[in-house]
Amino acid sequence: MYRVVSPQPTLPSQLAAKLGLTTGSVTAMLDRLERLGYVTRSADPSDRRKVVVRITPKAARRATKIYGPI
């Protein structure tokens, strides 16, 4: 079964690979999602050169409303 929402932080490069998109496309998508308040981006605590993406509670509520509980 496909997981709609993962509570775990994800790297943009991982998203690109899973979605079959370029990293540039994922960056543009994340820019829009961040402006809407659905994701946050922050430095990876173990490697400050990397950025991790996390969903916000707002996005989790929206996904649950659309897809039901996971």
Foldseek 3Di string as FASTA:
>chain_A
DDDPFDQDWDFLVVVCVVVVHDSVVSVVVVVVCVVVQQKDWAADPVHRVTITIGGDPVNVVVCCVVPNDD
